[in-house]
Amino acid sequence: MATDYDAPRKTDEELNEDSIEELKARRTDKNSGKVDEDEAEAAEGFELPGADLSNEELSVRVLPRQADEFTCSRCFLVHHRSQLASDKGGVLVCKECAA
């Protein structure tokens, strides 16, 4: 919302009157903001840290390292050859670790 700095400023008394009127208007609508939601149903979708996930199974397809990729010797991530910063003495380092 844009502010008109040239407009006359309100006194403290006028500001208090405005806020009281706003509060009175909100009092009539105090129940309109509530949402009927069952807390137990809402909590079912949340996972807590350290939860037992031993019966869960991941389905991720892992590909072996390709010919145009290397494993960084510092972060141990597989990167494309274009991310290779240096190959000094057989030590492969990515650009992020070299920075």
N, C-alpha and C. Protein backbone atom coordinates (compact mmCIF):
# COMPACT_ATOMS: atom_id res chain seq x y z
N MET A 1 0.84 -1.16 0.00
CA MET A 1 0.00 0.00 0.00
C MET A 1 0.89 1.23 0.00
N ALA A 2 0.59 2.19 -0.85
CA ALA A 2 1.38 3.40 -0.96
C ALA A 2 1.07 4.34 0.20
N THR A 3 2.07 5.10 0.63
CA THR A 3 1.90 6.05 1.73
C THR A 3 1.97 7.46 1.17
N ASP A 4 0.98 8.26 1.51
CA ASP A 4 0.96 9.65 1.08
C ASP A 4 1.60 10.48 2.18
N TYR A 5 2.83 10.91 1.96
CA TYR A 5 3.55 11.65 2.98
C TYR A 5 3.08 13.10 3.08
N ASP A 6 2.32 13.58 2.09
CA ASP A 6 1.82 14.95 2.12
C ASP A 6 0.50 15.07 2.85
N ALA A 7 -0.14 13.98 3.16
CA ALA A 7 -1.43 14.01 3.85
C ALA A 7 -1.22 14.46 5.29
N PRO A 8 -2.21 15.17 5.85
CA PRO A 8 -2.09 15.60 7.25
C PRO A 8 -2.04 14.38 8.17
N ARG A 9 -1.21 14.47 9.20
CA ARG A 9 -1.04 13.36 10.12
C ARG A 9 -2.13 13.39 11.18
N LYS A 10 -2.48 12.20 11.65
CA LYS A 10 -3.49 12.08 12.69
C LYS A 10 -2.84 12.23 14.05
N THR A 11 -3.57 12.76 14.99
CA THR A 11 -3.08 12.88 16.36
C THR A 11 -3.22 11.53 17.05
N ASP A 12 -2.62 11.40 18.23
CA ASP A 12 -2.71 10.16 19.00
C ASP A 12 -4.15 9.84 19.35
N GLU A 13 -4.92 10.87 19.65
CA GLU A 13 -6.32 10.66 20.02
C GLU A 13 -7.11 10.09 18.84
N GLU A 14 -6.87 10.61 17.65
CA GLU A 14 -7.55 10.10 16.46
C GLU A 14 -7.14 8.66 16.16
N LEU A 15 -5.86 8.36 16.37
CA LEU A 15 -5.39 6.99 16.13
C LEU A 15 -6.04 6.02 17.11
N ASN A 16 -6.20 6.43 18.38
CA ASN A 16 -6.85 5.56 19.37
C ASN A 16 -8.31 5.33 19.02
N GLU A 17 -8.98 6.36 18.54
CA GLU A 17 -10.39 6.22 18.16
C GLU A 17 -10.53 5.24 17.00
N ASP A 18 -9.63 5.35 16.03
CA ASP A 18 -9.69 4.44 14.88
C ASP A 18 -9.48 3.00 15.33
N SER A 19 -8.53 2.78 16.19
CA SER A 19 -8.25 1.41 16.59
C SER A 19 -9.39 0.84 17.44
N ILE A 20 -10.04 1.65 18.24
CA ILE A 20 -11.18 1.16 19.03
C ILE A 20 -12.33 0.79 18.11
N GLU A 21 -12.57 1.62 17.09
CA GLU A 21 -13.64 1.31 16.13
C GLU A 21 -13.33 0.01 15.39
N GLU A 22 -12.08 -0.18 15.03
CA GLU A 22 -11.70 -1.40 14.34
C GLU A 22 -11.89 -2.62 15.24
N LEU A 23 -11.53 -2.48 16.51
CA LEU A 23 -11.70 -3.60 17.44
C LEU A 23 -13.17 -3.95 17.62
N LYS A 24 -14.02 -2.93 17.68
CA LYS A 24 -15.45 -3.19 17.83
C LYS A 24 -15.99 -3.91 16.60
N ALA A 25 -15.50 -3.52 15.44
CA ALA A 25 -15.95 -4.17 14.21
C ALA A 25 -15.47 -5.62 14.16
N ARG A 26 -14.28 -5.87 14.66
CA ARG A 26 -13.74 -7.24 14.65
C ARG A 26 -14.46 -8.13 15.66
N ARG A 27 -14.95 -7.53 16.75
CA ARG A 27 -15.61 -8.31 17.79
C ARG A 27 -16.82 -9.03 17.24
N THR A 28 -17.53 -8.42 16.31
CA THR A 28 -18.71 -9.07 15.74
C THR A 28 -18.33 -10.25 14.86
N ASP A 29 -17.13 -10.22 14.29
CA ASP A 29 -16.67 -11.29 13.40
C ASP A 29 -15.66 -12.21 14.09
N LYS A 30 -15.66 -12.30 15.40
CA LYS A 30 -14.61 -13.06 16.08
C LYS A 30 -14.66 -14.55 15.77
N ASN A 31 -15.80 -15.10 15.46
CA ASN A 31 -15.90 -16.53 15.16
C ASN A 31 -15.72 -16.83 13.68
N SER A 32 -15.71 -15.80 12.85
CA SER A 32 -15.63 -16.05 11.41
C SER A 32 -14.24 -16.53 11.00
N GLY A 33 -13.19 -16.24 11.78
CA GLY A 33 -11.83 -16.63 11.41
C GLY A 33 -11.47 -18.03 11.84
N LYS A 34 -12.31 -18.68 12.62
CA LYS A 34 -11.99 -20.02 13.10
C LYS A 34 -12.25 -21.06 12.01
N VAL A 35 -11.42 -22.08 12.01
CA VAL A 35 -11.56 -23.17 11.05
C VAL A 35 -11.83 -24.44 11.83
N ASP A 36 -12.86 -25.15 11.42
CA ASP A 36 -13.17 -26.41 12.09
C ASP A 36 -12.27 -27.50 11.54
N GLU A 37 -11.28 -27.90 12.32
CA GLU A 37 -10.34 -28.92 11.89
C GLU A 37 -10.02 -29.82 13.08
N ASP A 38 -10.04 -31.09 12.83
CA ASP A 38 -9.73 -32.05 13.88
C ASP A 38 -8.21 -32.09 14.06
N GLU A 39 -7.74 -31.81 15.27
CA GLU A 39 -6.31 -31.77 15.53
C GLU A 39 -5.65 -33.12 15.33
N ALA A 40 -6.35 -34.18 15.66
CA ALA A 40 -5.77 -35.52 15.50
C ALA A 40 -5.55 -35.85 14.03
N GLU A 41 -6.49 -35.48 13.19
CA GLU A 41 -6.32 -35.74 11.76
C GLU A 41 -5.20 -34.89 11.17
N ALA A 42 -5.08 -33.66 11.62
CA ALA A 42 -4.03 -32.78 11.12
C ALA A 42 -2.65 -33.27 11.54
N ALA A 43 -2.54 -33.85 12.72
CA ALA A 43 -1.25 -34.30 13.24
C ALA A 43 -0.77 -35.58 12.58
N GLU A 44 -1.65 -36.34 11.94
CA GLU A 44 -1.24 -37.60 11.32
C GLU A 44 -0.27 -37.40 10.17
N GLY A 45 -0.33 -36.26 9.49
CA GLY A 45 0.53 -36.02 8.34
C GLY A 45 1.93 -35.57 8.69
N PHE A 46 2.20 -35.26 9.95
CA PHE A 46 3.51 -34.76 10.35
C PHE A 46 4.40 -35.88 10.84
N GLU A 47 5.67 -35.83 10.42
CA GLU A 47 6.66 -36.80 10.88
C GLU A 47 7.56 -36.12 11.89
N LEU A 48 7.76 -36.73 13.02
CA LEU A 48 8.63 -36.17 14.04
C LEU A 48 10.06 -36.61 13.80
N PRO A 49 11.03 -35.76 14.17
CA PRO A 49 12.44 -36.17 14.03
C PRO A 49 12.72 -37.39 14.91
N GLY A 50 13.45 -38.33 14.38
CA GLY A 50 13.77 -39.53 15.13
C GLY A 50 12.66 -40.56 15.11
N ALA A 51 11.66 -40.37 14.25
CA ALA A 51 10.56 -41.33 14.18
C ALA A 51 11.07 -42.66 13.62
N ASP A 52 10.42 -43.73 14.01
CA ASP A 52 10.82 -45.06 13.57
C ASP A 52 10.36 -45.27 12.13
N LEU A 53 11.31 -45.30 11.21
CA LEU A 53 11.01 -45.50 9.80
C LEU A 53 11.55 -46.83 9.30
N SER A 54 11.72 -47.79 10.21
CA SER A 54 12.32 -49.06 9.83
C SER A 54 11.45 -49.86 8.87
N ASN A 55 10.14 -49.65 8.88
CA ASN A 55 9.28 -50.40 7.98
C ASN A 55 9.04 -49.66 6.65
N GLU A 56 9.64 -48.48 6.49
CA GLU A 56 9.50 -47.73 5.24
C GLU A 56 10.52 -48.22 4.22
N GLU A 57 10.14 -48.15 2.96
CA GLU A 57 11.02 -48.62 1.90
C GLU A 57 11.17 -47.52 0.86
N LEU A 58 12.40 -47.22 0.48
CA LEU A 58 12.66 -46.20 -0.53
C LEU A 58 12.74 -46.85 -1.90
N SER A 59 12.24 -46.18 -2.89
CA SER A 59 12.31 -46.71 -4.25
C SER A 59 13.01 -45.68 -5.13
N VAL A 60 14.34 -45.67 -5.05
CA VAL A 60 15.16 -44.74 -5.81
C VAL A 60 16.09 -45.56 -6.69
N ARG A 61 16.14 -45.21 -7.95
CA ARG A 61 17.03 -45.91 -8.87
C ARG A 61 18.39 -45.23 -8.86
N VAL A 62 19.43 -45.93 -8.50
CA VAL A 62 20.77 -45.37 -8.41
C VAL A 62 21.55 -45.82 -9.63
N LEU A 63 22.12 -44.82 -10.32
CA LEU A 63 22.93 -45.10 -11.51
C LEU A 63 24.40 -45.09 -11.13
N PRO A 64 25.20 -45.95 -11.72
CA PRO A 64 26.64 -45.90 -11.46
C PRO A 64 27.25 -44.65 -12.09
N ARG A 65 28.42 -44.27 -11.62
CA ARG A 65 29.08 -43.09 -12.15
C ARG A 65 29.35 -43.27 -13.64
N GLN A 66 29.04 -42.25 -14.41
CA GLN A 66 29.21 -42.30 -15.86
C GLN A 66 30.65 -41.93 -16.23
N ALA A 67 31.00 -42.12 -17.47
CA ALA A 67 32.36 -41.87 -17.94
C ALA A 67 32.71 -40.39 -17.90
N ASP A 68 31.72 -39.51 -18.04
CA ASP A 68 31.97 -38.07 -18.04
C ASP A 68 31.76 -37.44 -16.66
N GLU A 69 31.79 -38.25 -15.60
CA GLU A 69 31.59 -37.76 -14.24
C GLU A 69 32.80 -38.13 -13.37
N PHE A 70 32.94 -37.41 -12.25
CA PHE A 70 34.00 -37.72 -11.29
C PHE A 70 33.47 -37.55 -9.88
N THR A 71 34.15 -38.14 -8.93
CA THR A 71 33.79 -38.00 -7.52
C THR A 71 34.77 -37.05 -6.87
N CYS A 72 34.26 -35.98 -6.28
CA CYS A 72 35.10 -34.99 -5.62
C CYS A 72 35.76 -35.63 -4.40
N SER A 73 37.05 -35.37 -4.21
CA SER A 73 37.77 -35.96 -3.09
C SER A 73 37.52 -35.23 -1.77
N ARG A 74 36.84 -34.09 -1.82
CA ARG A 74 36.53 -33.35 -0.58
C ARG A 74 35.09 -33.56 -0.13
N CYS A 75 34.13 -33.35 -1.03
CA CYS A 75 32.72 -33.47 -0.62
C CYS A 75 32.13 -34.84 -0.96
N PHE A 76 32.84 -35.64 -1.75
CA PHE A 76 32.44 -36.99 -2.13
C PHE A 76 31.14 -37.04 -2.94
N LEU A 77 30.82 -35.95 -3.62
CA LEU A 77 29.66 -35.93 -4.52
C LEU A 77 30.12 -36.22 -5.93
N VAL A 78 29.24 -36.79 -6.72
CA VAL A 78 29.54 -37.07 -8.12
C VAL A 78 29.13 -35.85 -8.94
N HIS A 79 30.09 -35.32 -9.71
CA HIS A 79 29.86 -34.13 -10.53
C HIS A 79 30.19 -34.45 -11.99
N HIS A 80 29.70 -33.61 -12.87
CA HIS A 80 30.06 -33.69 -14.29
C HIS A 80 31.48 -33.15 -14.45
N ARG A 81 32.19 -33.60 -15.47
CA ARG A 81 33.58 -33.16 -15.70
C ARG A 81 33.69 -31.65 -15.85
N SER A 82 32.63 -30.97 -16.26
CA SER A 82 32.68 -29.52 -16.41
C SER A 82 32.82 -28.81 -15.06
N GLN A 83 32.55 -29.51 -13.95
CA GLN A 83 32.67 -28.95 -12.62
C GLN A 83 34.04 -29.21 -11.99
N LEU A 84 34.93 -29.83 -12.74
CA LEU A 84 36.26 -30.16 -12.23
C LEU A 84 37.10 -28.90 -12.14
N ALA A 85 37.60 -28.60 -10.93
CA ALA A 85 38.42 -27.41 -10.72
C ALA A 85 39.89 -27.71 -10.96
N SER A 86 40.36 -28.81 -10.39
CA SER A 86 41.77 -29.15 -10.57
C SER A 86 41.96 -30.66 -10.50
N ASP A 87 43.01 -31.09 -11.16
CA ASP A 87 43.36 -32.51 -11.16
C ASP A 87 44.85 -32.61 -10.85
N LYS A 88 45.23 -32.03 -9.70
CA LYS A 88 46.65 -31.98 -9.32
C LYS A 88 47.02 -33.27 -8.60
N GLY A 89 47.92 -33.99 -9.17
CA GLY A 89 48.42 -35.21 -8.54
C GLY A 89 47.37 -36.28 -8.39
N GLY A 90 46.39 -36.30 -9.29
CA GLY A 90 45.35 -37.32 -9.23
C GLY A 90 44.25 -37.02 -8.23
N VAL A 91 44.27 -35.84 -7.59
CA VAL A 91 43.23 -35.46 -6.64
C VAL A 91 42.17 -34.66 -7.39
N LEU A 92 40.97 -35.21 -7.47
CA LEU A 92 39.89 -34.55 -8.19
C LEU A 92 39.07 -33.71 -7.19
N VAL A 93 38.97 -32.39 -7.50
CA VAL A 93 38.25 -31.47 -6.63
C VAL A 93 37.27 -30.67 -7.48
N CYS A 94 36.04 -30.55 -7.00
CA CYS A 94 35.03 -29.79 -7.74
C CYS A 94 35.24 -28.29 -7.53
N LYS A 95 34.59 -27.48 -8.37
CA LYS A 95 34.74 -26.03 -8.30
C LYS A 95 34.20 -25.45 -6.99
N GLU A 96 33.15 -26.05 -6.44
CA GLU A 96 32.58 -25.53 -5.19
C GLU A 96 33.55 -25.73 -4.03
N CYS A 97 34.19 -26.88 -3.97
CA CYS A 97 35.14 -27.14 -2.87
C CYS A 97 36.43 -26.36 -3.05
N ALA A 98 36.81 -26.09 -4.30
CA ALA A 98 38.04 -25.37 -4.56
C ALA A 98 37.89 -23.88 -4.26
N ALA A 99 36.66 -23.38 -4.24
CA ALA A 99 36.44 -21.94 -4.00
C ALA A 99 36.69 -21.55 -2.57
